[in-house]
Each structure stands twice: as structure tokens, then as C-alpha cells.
Amino acid sequence: MAADDLKGEWNFSVIDRINLNEKINLINIENGKLGEIEHILVATENQNLQISLPISNELKILKRPVDQPTLYVDYPLIGSHTFTYPCVINSHIFLPDEERSSVILEFTRLSMLNKALLKRATSLYHTLLHFVCDSANSFKSRTSAM
């Protein structure tokens, strides 16, 4: 089935949410249209900032779909898929432009908050990468001993 055949018919439901440590959760969702289980790692900082990465059953980071919005202010910023970043970033305190298509990054007083949030998102991304690497190494050592 082509992706165009599914447009507007996505139906996801959360199966469970597993707390992995103080910052990281694993969310398992079911894609109702395709009947597939998908896994998403979510890192949170102070409830003001969340980033997410899709992962495989083998704890490998999956590529984010190119048409998926990158930036969210609780809802997607339309057109933010062109903002190249390896994960999805959500913050209810981002300051979007008037069209809600991006966050303000040009040098203004408002841009300083957005830039600070993006720096914190990058730090959270590093936290997620370290977690995945450590978990994958642990997973490999457990399965190779079998």
C-alpha cells in the first residue's frame, strides 16, 4: 500500500508507556491502519521540553519520516519538516512565527528563548543517544550469552 493511499487515515493508539529512567520513557503505539506496533523513545526536561525518536525492536534508531513536522508547540508547526533535525522537538513555550510554520530564530529578544530551547533539545538528544548505545550494548551482551 502506498503512503499516498493512507493520507488522512492514520489512526494511532498508545499501548503502553514505560518509564526507563527519570528523563526517558518508551511509548509503544499501534498504527491502527497498518496494524503495526511502533516504539518511540521520549526524553523530557522539566515538562517544558520533549524530544522523541522512533526505534526498532532491536533498539536501533530509525530515520524520522521526511514529511513529519520537526517542531511542535503542543501541535505541529506546519512546514517545520523542512527544519532539519534528527528528532521531533515539542515545547509549549516555543515562540512560533505568525503562520505557525517555524520558531523565531532571527536575532530578537524572542529568539533567545527559542535558541535556548533548541540547545536544551540538543543536550536531550545526546542523553537519548547515550541511553540507546548503553542499552543496545547491554541487550547485545545478554543475547550473545544465550
C-alpha atoms as a PDB file:
ATOM      1  CA  MET A   1       0.000   0.000   0.000  1.00  0.00           C
ATOM      2  CA  ALA A   2       1.459   3.378  -0.986  1.00  0.00           C
ATOM      3  CA  ALA A   3       1.818   6.129   1.579  1.00  0.00           C
ATOM      4  CA  ASP A   4      -0.499   8.315  -0.519  1.00  0.00           C
ATOM      5  CA  ASP A   5      -3.240   5.696  -0.060  1.00  0.00           C
ATOM      6  CA  LEU A   6      -3.046   6.239   3.693  1.00  0.00           C
ATOM      7  CA  LYS A   7      -3.140  10.029   3.730  1.00  0.00           C
ATOM      8  CA  GLY A   8      -5.627  11.294   6.278  1.00  0.00           C
ATOM      9  CA  GLU A   9      -6.309   7.809   7.586  1.00  0.00           C
ATOM     10  CA  TRP A  10      -3.655   7.445  10.294  1.00  0.00           C
ATOM     11  CA  ASN A  11      -5.037   6.022  13.496  1.00  0.00           C
ATOM     12  CA  PHE A  12      -2.571   5.615  16.353  1.00  0.00           C
ATOM     13  CA  SER A  13      -3.285   4.471  19.872  1.00  0.00           C
ATOM     14  CA  VAL A  14      -0.918   4.262  22.808  1.00  0.00           C
ATOM     15  CA  ILE A  15      -0.486   0.689  24.013  1.00  0.00           C
ATOM     16  CA  ASP A  16       1.736   1.485  26.976  1.00  0.00           C
ATOM     17  CA  ARG A  17       4.223   3.950  28.387  1.00  0.00           C
ATOM     18  CA  ILE A  18       7.245   2.562  30.213  1.00  0.00           C
ATOM     19  CA  ASN A  19       9.392   4.774  32.422  1.00  0.00           C
ATOM     20  CA  LEU A  20      13.025   3.835  31.680  1.00  0.00           C
ATOM     21  CA  ASN A  21      14.681   6.446  33.894  1.00  0.00           C
ATOM     22  CA  GLU A  22      13.990   9.926  35.297  1.00  0.00           C
ATOM     23  CA  LYS A  23      14.118  11.549  31.831  1.00  0.00           C
ATOM     24  CA  ILE A  24      13.314   8.798  29.330  1.00  0.00           C
ATOM     25  CA  ASN A  25      10.124   6.919  28.529  1.00  0.00           C
ATOM     26  CA  LEU A  26       9.378   4.279  25.932  1.00  0.00           C
ATOM     27  CA  ILE A  27       5.979   4.674  24.309  1.00  0.00           C
ATOM     28  CA  ASN A  28       4.587   1.769  22.323  1.00  0.00           C
ATOM     29  CA  ILE A  29       1.879   2.721  19.867  1.00  0.00           C
ATOM     30  CA  GLU A  30      -0.242   0.756  17.467  1.00  0.00           C
ATOM     31  CA  ASN A  31      -0.769   2.041  13.973  1.00  0.00           C
ATOM     32  CA  GLY A  32      -4.419   1.082  13.540  1.00  0.00           C
ATOM     33  CA  LYS A  33      -4.377   1.369   9.752  1.00  0.00           C
ATOM     34  CA  LEU A  34      -1.334  -0.850   9.274  1.00  0.00           C
ATOM     35  CA  GLY A  35      -1.741  -2.957  12.423  1.00  0.00           C
ATOM     36  CA  GLU A  36       1.916  -2.429  13.323  1.00  0.00           C
ATOM     37  CA  ILE A  37       3.452  -1.724  16.716  1.00  0.00           C
ATOM     38  CA  GLU A  38       5.840   1.209  16.742  1.00  0.00           C
ATOM     39  CA  HIS A  39       8.228   2.259  19.513  1.00  0.00           C
ATOM     40  CA  ILE A  40       9.155   5.815  20.393  1.00  0.00           C
ATOM     41  CA  LEU A  41      11.714   6.994  22.925  1.00  0.00           C
ATOM     42  CA  VAL A  42      10.755  10.269  24.565  1.00  0.00           C
ATOM     43  CA  ALA A  43      13.105  12.385  26.672  1.00  0.00           C
ATOM     44  CA  THR A  44      11.582  15.109  28.828  1.00  0.00           C
ATOM     45  CA  GLU A  45      13.068  18.065  30.640  1.00  0.00           C
ATOM     46  CA  ASN A  46      11.017  19.942  33.248  1.00  0.00           C
ATOM     47  CA  GLN A  47       7.749  19.198  31.413  1.00  0.00           C
ATOM     48  CA  ASN A  48       8.610  22.167  29.149  1.00  0.00           C
ATOM     49  CA  LEU A  49      10.581  20.274  26.528  1.00  0.00           C
ATOM     50  CA  GLN A  50      10.232  16.833  24.957  1.00  0.00           C
ATOM     51  CA  ILE A  51      12.098  15.173  22.131  1.00  0.00           C
ATOM     52  CA  SER A  52      11.261  11.861  20.513  1.00  0.00           C
ATOM     53  CA  LEU A  53      12.971   9.252  18.356  1.00  0.00           C
ATOM     54  CA  PRO A  54      11.458   6.206  16.670  1.00  0.00           C
ATOM     55  CA  ILE A  55      13.318   2.969  17.457  1.00  0.00           C
ATOM     56  CA  SER A  56      13.169  -0.607  16.228  1.00  0.00           C
ATOM     57  CA  ASN A  57      12.602  -3.772  18.247  1.00  0.00           C
ATOM     58  CA  GLU A  58      16.395  -4.212  18.205  1.00  0.00           C
ATOM     59  CA  LEU A  59      16.916  -0.794  19.846  1.00  0.00           C
ATOM     60  CA  LYS A  60      18.149   0.821  16.637  1.00  0.00           C
ATOM     61  CA  ILE A  61      17.272   4.427  15.949  1.00  0.00           C
ATOM     62  CA  LEU A  62      15.016   4.738  12.918  1.00  0.00           C
ATOM     63  CA  LYS A  63      15.059   7.614  10.478  1.00  0.00           C
ATOM     64  CA  ARG A  64      12.378  10.199  11.088  1.00  0.00           C
ATOM     65  CA  PRO A  65       9.962  10.438   8.132  1.00  0.00           C
ATOM     66  CA  VAL A  66      10.982  13.418   5.985  1.00  0.00           C
ATOM     67  CA  ASP A  67       7.420  14.730   5.795  1.00  0.00           C
ATOM     68  CA  GLN A  68       6.896  14.610   9.578  1.00  0.00           C
ATOM     69  CA  PRO A  69       6.922  18.023  11.266  1.00  0.00           C
ATOM     70  CA  THR A  70      10.060  18.564  13.347  1.00  0.00           C
ATOM     71  CA  LEU A  71       8.799  21.288  15.665  1.00  0.00           C
ATOM     72  CA  TYR A  72       5.706  21.243  17.828  1.00  0.00           C
ATOM     73  CA  VAL A  73       4.166  23.803  20.124  1.00  0.00           C
ATOM     74  CA  ASP A  74       1.818  21.147  21.502  1.00  0.00           C
ATOM     75  CA  TYR A  75       0.622  20.826  17.882  1.00  0.00           C
ATOM     76  CA  PRO A  76       2.797  20.558  14.772  1.00  0.00           C
ATOM     77  CA  LEU A  77       4.176  23.690  13.180  1.00  0.00           C
ATOM     78  CA  ILE A  78       3.038  23.320   9.587  1.00  0.00           C
ATOM     79  CA  GLY A  79       6.040  23.287   7.281  1.00  0.00           C
ATOM     80  CA  SER A  80       8.559  22.571  10.050  1.00  0.00           C
ATOM     81  CA  HIS A  81       9.516  19.307   8.336  1.00  0.00           C
ATOM     82  CA  THR A  82      11.993  21.461   6.403  1.00  0.00           C
ATOM     83  CA  PHE A  83      13.796  22.239   9.684  1.00  0.00           C
ATOM     84  CA  THR A  84      16.451  19.533   9.507  1.00  0.00           C
ATOM     85  CA  TYR A  85      16.899  17.848  12.872  1.00  0.00           C
ATOM     86  CA  PRO A  86      17.194  14.143  13.714  1.00  0.00           C
ATOM     87  CA  CYS A  87      14.312  14.048  16.185  1.00  0.00           C
ATOM     88  CA  VAL A  88      10.978  15.680  16.908  1.00  0.00           C
ATOM     89  CA  ILE A  89      11.033  18.582  19.377  1.00  0.00           C
ATOM     90  CA  ASN A  90       7.989  19.742  21.340  1.00  0.00           C
ATOM     91  CA  SER A  91       7.776  22.650  23.760  1.00  0.00           C
ATOM     92  CA  HIS A  92       4.715  24.575  24.813  1.00  0.00           C
ATOM     93  CA  ILE A  93       6.955  27.581  25.466  1.00  0.00           C
ATOM     94  CA  PHE A  94       8.428  27.818  21.942  1.00  0.00           C
ATOM     95  CA  LEU A  95       7.549  31.127  20.304  1.00  0.00           C
ATOM     96  CA  PRO A  96       6.363  30.398  16.750  1.00  0.00           C
ATOM     97  CA  ASP A  97       6.082  32.865  13.896  1.00  0.00           C
ATOM     98  CA  GLU A  98       2.643  34.246  12.977  1.00  0.00           C
ATOM     99  CA  GLU A  99       1.977  31.490  10.432  1.00  0.00           C
ATOM    100  CA  ARG A 100       2.873  28.741  12.983  1.00  0.00           C
ATOM    101  CA  SER A 101       5.296  27.317  10.439  1.00  0.00           C
ATOM    102  CA  SER A 102       8.528  27.703  12.408  1.00  0.00           C
ATOM    103  CA  VAL A 103      10.019  29.166  15.551  1.00  0.00           C
ATOM    104  CA  ILE A 104      11.595  32.609  15.545  1.00  0.00           C
ATOM    105  CA  LEU A 105      15.394  32.327  15.337  1.00  0.00           C
ATOM    106  CA  GLU A 106      16.410  35.715  13.894  1.00  0.00           C
ATOM    107  CA  PHE A 107      18.157  37.879  16.450  1.00  0.00           C
ATOM    108  CA  THR A 108      15.417  39.350  18.612  1.00  0.00           C
ATOM    109  CA  ARG A 109      14.576  39.144  22.277  1.00  0.00           C
ATOM    110  CA  LEU A 110      12.011  36.440  21.416  1.00  0.00           C
ATOM    111  CA  SER A 111      14.547  34.320  19.546  1.00  0.00           C
ATOM    112  CA  MET A 112      16.738  33.928  22.632  1.00  0.00           C
ATOM    113  CA  LEU A 113      14.170  31.636  24.296  1.00  0.00           C
ATOM    114  CA  ASN A 114      13.779  29.507  21.148  1.00  0.00           C
ATOM    115  CA  LYS A 115      17.548  29.200  20.725  1.00  0.00           C
ATOM    116  CA  ALA A 116      17.927  28.183  24.385  1.00  0.00           C
ATOM    117  CA  LEU A 117      15.222  25.524  23.922  1.00  0.00           C
ATOM    118  CA  LEU A 118      16.984  24.157  20.820  1.00  0.00           C
ATOM    119  CA  LYS A 119      20.267  23.949  22.760  1.00  0.00           C
ATOM    120  CA  ARG A 120      18.482  22.059  25.551  1.00  0.00           C
ATOM    121  CA  ALA A 121      16.881  19.791  22.928  1.00  0.00           C
ATOM    122  CA  THR A 122      20.351  19.009  21.577  1.00  0.00           C
ATOM    123  CA  SER A 123      21.501  18.101  25.075  1.00  0.00           C
ATOM    124  CA  LEU A 124      18.455  15.832  25.492  1.00  0.00           C
ATOM    125  CA  TYR A 125      19.229  14.270  22.119  1.00  0.00           C
ATOM    126  CA  HIS A 126      22.729  13.406  23.377  1.00  0.00           C
ATOM    127  CA  THR A 127      21.139  11.895  26.506  1.00  0.00           C
ATOM    128  CA  LEU A 128      18.909   9.717  24.304  1.00  0.00           C
ATOM    129  CA  LEU A 129      21.828   8.641  22.117  1.00  0.00           C
ATOM    130  CA  HIS A 130      23.866   7.603  25.152  1.00  0.00           C
ATOM    131  CA  PHE A 131      20.888   5.730  26.548  1.00  0.00           C
ATOM    132  CA  VAL A 132      20.316   3.847  23.290  1.00  0.00           C
ATOM    133  CA  CYS A 133      24.024   2.972  22.947  1.00  0.00           C
ATOM    134  CA  ASP A 134      24.273   1.748  26.541  1.00  0.00           C
ATOM    135  CA  SER A 135      21.001  -0.177  26.258  1.00  0.00           C
ATOM    136  CA  ALA A 136      21.976  -1.724  22.924  1.00  0.00           C
ATOM    137  CA  ASN A 137      25.321  -2.866  24.337  1.00  0.00           C
ATOM    138  CA  SER A 138      23.553  -4.361  27.345  1.00  0.00           C
ATOM    139  CA  PHE A 139      20.980  -6.002  25.069  1.00  0.00           C
ATOM    140  CA  LYS A 140      23.710  -7.473  22.828  1.00  0.00           C
ATOM    141  CA  SER A 141      25.682  -8.858  25.778  1.00  0.00           C
ATOM    142  CA  ARG A 142      22.536 -10.508  27.200  1.00  0.00           C
ATOM    143  CA  THR A 143      21.551 -12.075  23.876  1.00  0.00           C
ATOM    144  CA  SER A 144      25.073 -13.220  22.947  1.00  0.00           C
ATOM    145  CA  ALA A 145      25.330 -15.123  26.242  1.00  0.00           C
ATOM    146  CA  MET A 146      22.355 -17.291  25.244  1.00  0.00           C
END
